[in-house]
Amino acid sequence: MSSPVIDKGLASVAAEVENVKAMVGEGAENAVRAAKQTMRRARHSAEDASEELVHQMKRHPIESAGVAFGVGLVSGLAIGMALFRRSGRTKVVPGPCLM
């Protein structure tokens, strides 16, 4: 025993659910499209930066090698100090002598 008012209310709710569903689907499609476009732009920017870096390295090889050495040295020291502090040791204890 359903009344016309209940049937009309259910139809209205069903129509609203379909509208919301369509809006969510469109929003998701727009979000995916925007994310892909952003990734494409980021990839192109990274490629441009990489090409510029290679160009600069070819123009200034000695300076490039010096910078790479310095960055490696500082990174190694920073990681070594972080690991040393994390281990909880307060002083360096020399290992056994193999002689």
C-alpha atoms as a PDB file:
ATOM      1  CA  MET A   1       0.000   0.000   0.000  1.00  0.00           C
ATOM      2  CA  SER A   2       1.998   2.939  -1.189  1.00  0.00           C
ATOM      3  CA  SER A   3       0.506   6.354  -1.439  1.00  0.00           C
ATOM      4  CA  PRO A   4       1.082   8.790  -4.309  1.00  0.00           C
ATOM      5  CA  VAL A   5       2.873  11.177  -1.928  1.00  0.00           C
ATOM      6  CA  ILE A   6       5.394   8.504  -0.887  1.00  0.00           C
ATOM      7  CA  ASP A   7       5.933   7.455  -4.519  1.00  0.00           C
ATOM      8  CA  LYS A   8       6.485  11.070  -5.539  1.00  0.00           C
ATOM      9  CA  GLY A   9       8.911  11.576  -2.614  1.00  0.00           C
ATOM     10  CA  LEU A  10      10.863   8.433  -3.512  1.00  0.00           C
ATOM     11  CA  ALA A  11      11.082   9.512  -7.157  1.00  0.00           C
ATOM     12  CA  SER A  12      12.331  12.920  -6.074  1.00  0.00           C
ATOM     13  CA  VAL A  13      14.992  11.379  -3.817  1.00  0.00           C
ATOM     14  CA  ALA A  14      16.060   8.983  -6.575  1.00  0.00           C
ATOM     15  CA  ALA A  15      16.387  11.871  -9.036  1.00  0.00           C
ATOM     16  CA  GLU A  16      18.450  13.872  -6.544  1.00  0.00           C
ATOM     17  CA  VAL A  17      20.726  10.876  -5.925  1.00  0.00           C
ATOM     18  CA  GLU A  18      21.309  10.582  -9.678  1.00  0.00           C
ATOM     19  CA  ASN A  19      22.136  14.297  -9.895  1.00  0.00           C
ATOM     20  CA  VAL A  20      24.637  14.050  -7.051  1.00  0.00           C
ATOM     21  CA  LYS A  21      26.137  10.926  -8.604  1.00  0.00           C
ATOM     22  CA  ALA A  22      26.613  12.717 -11.934  1.00  0.00           C
ATOM     23  CA  MET A  23      28.174  15.746 -10.231  1.00  0.00           C
ATOM     24  CA  VAL A  24      30.613  13.562  -8.283  1.00  0.00           C
ATOM     25  CA  GLY A  25      31.552  11.695 -11.457  1.00  0.00           C
ATOM     26  CA  GLU A  26      32.214  14.947 -13.306  1.00  0.00           C
ATOM     27  CA  GLY A  27      34.251  16.263 -10.382  1.00  0.00           C
ATOM     28  CA  ALA A  28      36.361  13.111 -10.307  1.00  0.00           C
ATOM     29  CA  GLU A  29      36.947  13.294 -14.060  1.00  0.00           C
ATOM     30  CA  ASN A  30      37.982  16.940 -13.757  1.00  0.00           C
ATOM     31  CA  ALA A  31      40.342  16.122 -10.895  1.00  0.00           C
ATOM     32  CA  VAL A  32      41.976  13.290 -12.852  1.00  0.00           C
ATOM     33  CA  ARG A  33      42.328  15.512 -15.910  1.00  0.00           C
ATOM     34  CA  ALA A  34      43.914  18.299 -13.845  1.00  0.00           C
ATOM     35  CA  ALA A  35      46.297  15.858 -12.135  1.00  0.00           C
ATOM     36  CA  LYS A  36      47.429  14.458 -15.481  1.00  0.00           C
ATOM     37  CA  GLN A  37      47.997  17.950 -16.842  1.00  0.00           C
ATOM     38  CA  THR A  38      50.002  18.907 -13.760  1.00  0.00           C
ATOM     39  CA  MET A  39      52.127  15.763 -14.063  1.00  0.00           C
ATOM     40  CA  ARG A  40      52.754  16.498 -17.736  1.00  0.00           C
ATOM     41  CA  ARG A  41      53.885  20.059 -16.906  1.00  0.00           C
ATOM     42  CA  ALA A  42      56.106  18.832 -14.082  1.00  0.00           C
ATOM     43  CA  ARG A  43      57.721  16.230 -16.349  1.00  0.00           C
ATOM     44  CA  HIS A  44      58.462  18.869 -18.998  1.00  0.00           C
ATOM     45  CA  SER A  45      59.905  21.230 -16.382  1.00  0.00           C
ATOM     46  CA  ALA A  46      62.128  18.462 -15.013  1.00  0.00           C
ATOM     47  CA  GLU A  47      63.333  17.583 -18.507  1.00  0.00           C
ATOM     48  CA  ASP A  48      64.138  21.246 -19.210  1.00  0.00           C
ATOM     49  CA  ALA A  49      66.024  21.551 -15.920  1.00  0.00           C
ATOM     50  CA  SER A  50      67.957  18.355 -16.655  1.00  0.00           C
ATOM     51  CA  GLU A  51      68.960  19.608 -20.097  1.00  0.00           C
ATOM     52  CA  GLU A  52      70.074  22.932 -18.621  1.00  0.00           C
ATOM     53  CA  LEU A  53      72.112  21.127 -15.956  1.00  0.00           C
ATOM     54  CA  VAL A  54      73.871  18.992 -18.569  1.00  0.00           C
ATOM     55  CA  HIS A  55      74.586  22.117 -20.619  1.00  0.00           C
ATOM     56  CA  GLN A  56      76.094  23.905 -17.613  1.00  0.00           C
ATOM     57  CA  MET A  57      78.184  20.846 -16.720  1.00  0.00           C
ATOM     58  CA  LYS A  58      79.614  20.768 -20.242  1.00  0.00           C
ATOM     59  CA  ARG A  59      80.400  24.493 -20.112  1.00  0.00           C
ATOM     60  CA  HIS A  60      82.030  24.329 -16.647  1.00  0.00           C
ATOM     61  CA  PRO A  61      83.353  20.783 -16.038  1.00  0.00           C
ATOM     62  CA  ILE A  62      85.897  21.599 -13.305  1.00  0.00           C
ATOM     63  CA  GLU A  63      83.441  23.657 -11.294  1.00  0.00           C
ATOM     64  CA  SER A  64      80.808  20.945 -11.703  1.00  0.00           C
ATOM     65  CA  ALA A  65      83.174  18.286 -10.388  1.00  0.00           C
ATOM     66  CA  GLY A  66      84.092  20.511  -7.431  1.00  0.00           C
ATOM     67  CA  VAL A  67      80.465  21.164  -6.557  1.00  0.00           C
ATOM     68  CA  ALA A  68      79.629  17.453  -6.826  1.00  0.00           C
ATOM     69  CA  PHE A  69      82.569  16.587  -4.556  1.00  0.00           C
ATOM     70  CA  GLY A  70      81.558  19.233  -2.012  1.00  0.00           C
ATOM     71  CA  VAL A  71      77.905  18.149  -1.969  1.00  0.00           C
ATOM     72  CA  GLY A  72      78.947  14.515  -1.544  1.00  0.00           C
ATOM     73  CA  LEU A  73      81.354  15.359   1.251  1.00  0.00           C
ATOM     74  CA  VAL A  74      78.864  17.488   3.179  1.00  0.00           C
ATOM     75  CA  SER A  75      76.099  14.900   2.685  1.00  0.00           C
ATOM     76  CA  GLY A  76      78.359  12.098   3.888  1.00  0.00           C
ATOM     77  CA  LEU A  77      79.406  14.051   6.961  1.00  0.00           C
ATOM     78  CA  ALA A  78      75.809  14.959   7.796  1.00  0.00           C
ATOM     79  CA  ILE A  79      74.617  11.361   7.453  1.00  0.00           C
ATOM     80  CA  GLY A  80      77.589  10.079   9.453  1.00  0.00           C
ATOM     81  CA  MET A  81      76.943  12.544  12.262  1.00  0.00           C
ATOM     82  CA  ALA A  82      73.230  11.710  12.311  1.00  0.00           C
ATOM     83  CA  LEU A  83      73.952   7.983  12.517  1.00  0.00           C
ATOM     84  CA  PHE A  84      76.578   8.526  15.207  1.00  0.00           C
ATOM     85  CA  ARG A  85      74.187  10.571  17.342  1.00  0.00           C
ATOM     86  CA  ARG A  86      71.394   8.071  16.808  1.00  0.00           C
ATOM     87  CA  SER A  87      73.574   5.232  18.077  1.00  0.00           C
ATOM     88  CA  GLY A  88      73.845   6.972  21.454  1.00  0.00           C
ATOM     89  CA  ARG A  89      77.625   6.836  21.613  1.00  0.00           C
ATOM     90  CA  THR A  90      79.328   9.882  23.064  1.00  0.00           C
ATOM     91  CA  LYS A  91      82.908   9.248  21.966  1.00  0.00           C
ATOM     92  CA  VAL A  92      84.654   7.404  19.193  1.00  0.00           C
ATOM     93  CA  VAL A  93      86.226   4.116  20.289  1.00  0.00           C
ATOM     94  CA  PRO A  94      88.881   2.791  17.911  1.00  0.00           C
ATOM     95  CA  GLY A  95      88.356  -0.709  16.612  1.00  0.00           C
ATOM     96  CA  PRO A  96      90.772  -3.606  17.098  1.00  0.00           C
ATOM     97  CA  CYS A  97      94.124  -3.269  15.429  1.00  0.00           C
ATOM     98  CA  LEU A  98      94.773  -5.884  12.777  1.00  0.00           C
ATOM     99  CA  MET A  99      98.558  -5.676  12.940  1.00  0.00           C
END
